[in-house]
Amino acid sequence: KKLYMFQESIQVIFDTENPRQGDWIGIYQASAPLNNLRDALFWMWNCDNANQNPDCGVRASGTVTFSEDKDIDWAMQWPPVPGEYKAILLRRDNDDPWEAVHVSAVFAVSVPTELNAESVVIVRKELEVLVENDIKL
């Protein structure tokens, strides 16, 4: 999928020939350099495990869903701010920066179509996090 609406769950479908224990999926800004992948904005083990247990099993293929329903400590708060992103299947073979095994096509998160009070508060908080962490869009 190339476009997600603001606050919509993001589904990442993956398929790898050589899965390993501890493979994980991260959501990064589209401009993130593949040779220096550090902390993902959002991430999850490839078994769609919300408790962040890397021993949840080895999966060669499947779907991981990122949404507000996940109780996970992400670098950003859900939902992602409008912009362009990519999903990356990473290998936990060593300390960061991690090895990118597969990289998705760039996808976008749209600007909210209705700016209600909740949307404004969410976008404002996310912009504060971006500025605080000096993240470039």
Protein backbone atom coordinates (compact mmCIF):
# COMPACT_ATOMS: atom_id res chain seq x y z
CA LYS A 1 0.00 0.00 0.00
CA LYS A 2 1.39 3.39 -0.93
CA LEU A 3 -0.85 5.71 1.10
CA TYR A 4 -2.17 5.43 4.64
CA MET A 5 -4.67 7.82 6.12
CA PHE A 6 -3.64 9.65 9.29
CA GLN A 7 -4.22 7.33 12.31
CA GLU A 8 -4.72 4.28 10.05
CA SER A 9 -2.98 1.02 11.04
CA ILE A 10 0.07 0.21 8.92
CA GLN A 11 0.41 -3.39 7.77
CA VAL A 12 3.78 -4.69 6.65
CA ILE A 13 3.76 -7.93 4.67
CA PHE A 14 7.13 -9.66 4.55
CA ASP A 15 8.67 -12.76 3.00
CA THR A 16 12.29 -13.77 3.53
CA GLU A 17 14.13 -16.92 2.45
CA ASN A 18 16.42 -17.10 5.47
CA PRO A 19 14.54 -16.05 8.62
CA ARG A 20 16.35 -15.92 11.94
CA GLN A 21 15.41 -15.60 15.58
CA GLY A 22 15.23 -11.92 16.44
CA ASP A 23 14.35 -10.59 12.97
CA TRP A 24 12.32 -7.43 13.36
CA ILE A 25 10.51 -4.81 11.31
CA GLY A 26 11.11 -1.10 11.71
CA ILE A 27 9.36 1.95 10.31
CA TYR A 28 11.83 4.67 9.33
CA GLN A 29 11.66 8.04 7.63
CA ALA A 30 11.99 7.49 3.86
CA SER A 31 15.28 9.43 3.92
CA ALA A 32 16.92 7.16 6.55
CA PRO A 33 20.32 5.92 5.29
CA LEU A 34 20.42 2.12 4.96
CA ASN A 35 24.07 1.97 5.98
CA ASN A 36 23.43 3.59 9.38
CA LEU A 37 20.11 2.30 10.69
CA ARG A 38 19.70 3.22 14.32
CA ASP A 39 16.51 3.49 16.35
CA ALA A 40 13.36 2.97 14.30
CA LEU A 41 10.42 5.32 14.80
CA PHE A 42 8.26 2.23 15.31
CA TRP A 43 9.36 -1.39 15.51
CA MET A 44 8.17 -4.88 16.30
CA TRP A 45 9.52 -8.44 16.14
CA ASN A 46 8.45 -10.08 12.88
CA CYS A 47 6.11 -12.41 14.80
CA ASP A 48 3.86 -9.33 15.41
CA ASN A 49 4.74 -9.61 19.06
CA ALA A 50 3.60 -6.63 21.11
CA ASN A 51 5.49 -7.61 24.27
CA GLN A 52 8.87 -7.16 22.58
CA ASN A 53 10.08 -10.71 23.20
CA PRO A 54 12.65 -11.66 20.53
CA ASP A 55 12.11 -15.35 21.34
CA CYS A 56 8.57 -15.35 19.95
CA GLY A 57 9.47 -17.61 17.05
CA VAL A 58 11.01 -17.57 13.60
CA ARG A 59 8.73 -16.55 10.73
CA ALA A 60 9.72 -16.58 7.08
CA SER A 61 6.63 -14.68 6.02
CA GLY A 62 3.65 -12.95 7.48
CA THR A 63 2.12 -9.60 8.38
CA VAL A 64 3.04 -7.18 11.14
CA THR A 65 0.50 -4.51 12.05
CA PHE A 66 1.52 -1.20 13.57
CA SER A 67 -1.36 0.57 15.28
CA GLU A 68 -2.46 2.42 18.38
CA ASP A 69 -3.61 -0.93 19.81
CA LYS A 70 0.00 -1.99 20.42
CA ASP A 71 1.35 -1.23 23.89
CA ILE A 72 4.96 -0.66 22.86
CA ASP A 73 7.64 1.88 23.75
CA TRP A 74 8.28 3.48 20.37
CA ALA A 75 10.54 6.44 19.60
CA MET A 76 7.45 8.32 18.43
CA GLN A 77 3.91 8.15 19.69
CA TRP A 78 1.28 6.62 17.43
CA PRO A 79 0.19 7.73 14.87
CA PRO A 80 3.14 8.74 12.70
CA VAL A 81 3.10 12.33 11.54
CA PRO A 82 2.18 12.88 7.90
CA GLY A 83 5.19 12.22 5.69
CA GLU A 84 7.04 9.52 3.77
CA TYR A 85 8.29 6.31 5.36
CA LYS A 86 9.72 2.89 4.57
CA ALA A 87 9.44 -0.43 6.38
CA ILE A 88 12.63 -2.42 6.83
CA LEU A 89 13.11 -6.04 7.86
CA LEU A 90 16.21 -6.01 10.05
CA ARG A 91 18.44 -8.67 11.49
CA ARG A 92 19.50 -8.65 15.11
CA ASP A 93 22.96 -10.16 14.52
CA ASN A 94 24.85 -7.43 16.29
CA ASP A 95 24.50 -4.08 17.97
CA ASP A 96 23.21 -1.15 16.00
CA PRO A 97 23.47 -0.11 13.26
CA TRP A 98 21.54 -3.17 12.17
CA GLU A 99 21.58 -5.04 8.88
CA ALA A 100 18.72 -4.26 6.48
CA VAL A 101 17.50 -7.56 5.02
CA HIS A 102 14.57 -6.18 2.99
CA VAL A 103 13.37 -2.62 2.36
CA SER A 104 9.84 -1.69 1.31
CA ALA A 105 8.85 0.83 -1.28
CA VAL A 106 8.28 4.29 0.16
CA PHE A 107 4.77 4.87 1.50
CA ALA A 108 3.08 8.00 2.76
CA VAL A 109 0.94 8.91 5.73
CA SER A 110 -1.57 11.56 4.71
CA VAL A 111 -2.41 14.82 6.37
CA PRO A 112 -5.59 14.50 8.46
CA THR A 113 -8.63 15.34 6.37
CA GLU A 114 -10.41 16.72 9.40
CA LEU A 115 -8.47 18.81 11.86
CA ASN A 116 -10.36 18.13 15.03
CA ALA A 117 -8.90 18.94 18.44
CA GLU A 118 -7.52 15.41 18.90
CA SER A 119 -5.70 15.49 15.55
CA VAL A 120 -4.14 18.86 16.31
CA VAL A 121 -2.87 17.66 19.71
CA ILE A 122 -1.41 14.47 18.19
CA VAL A 123 0.37 16.31 15.37
CA ARG A 124 1.70 18.91 17.79
CA LYS A 125 3.14 16.24 20.11
CA GLU A 126 4.77 14.43 17.20
CA LEU A 127 6.31 17.64 15.88
CA GLU A 128 7.71 18.35 19.35
CA VAL A 129 9.32 14.87 19.38
CA LEU A 130 10.80 15.46 15.93
CA VAL A 131 12.27 18.80 16.94
CA GLU A 132 13.49 17.44 20.28
CA ASN A 133 15.28 14.54 18.56
CA ASP A 134 16.48 16.68 15.63
CA ILE A 135 14.77 14.35 13.13
CA LYS A 136 14.67 15.73 9.59
CA LEU A 137 11.58 15.19 7.43
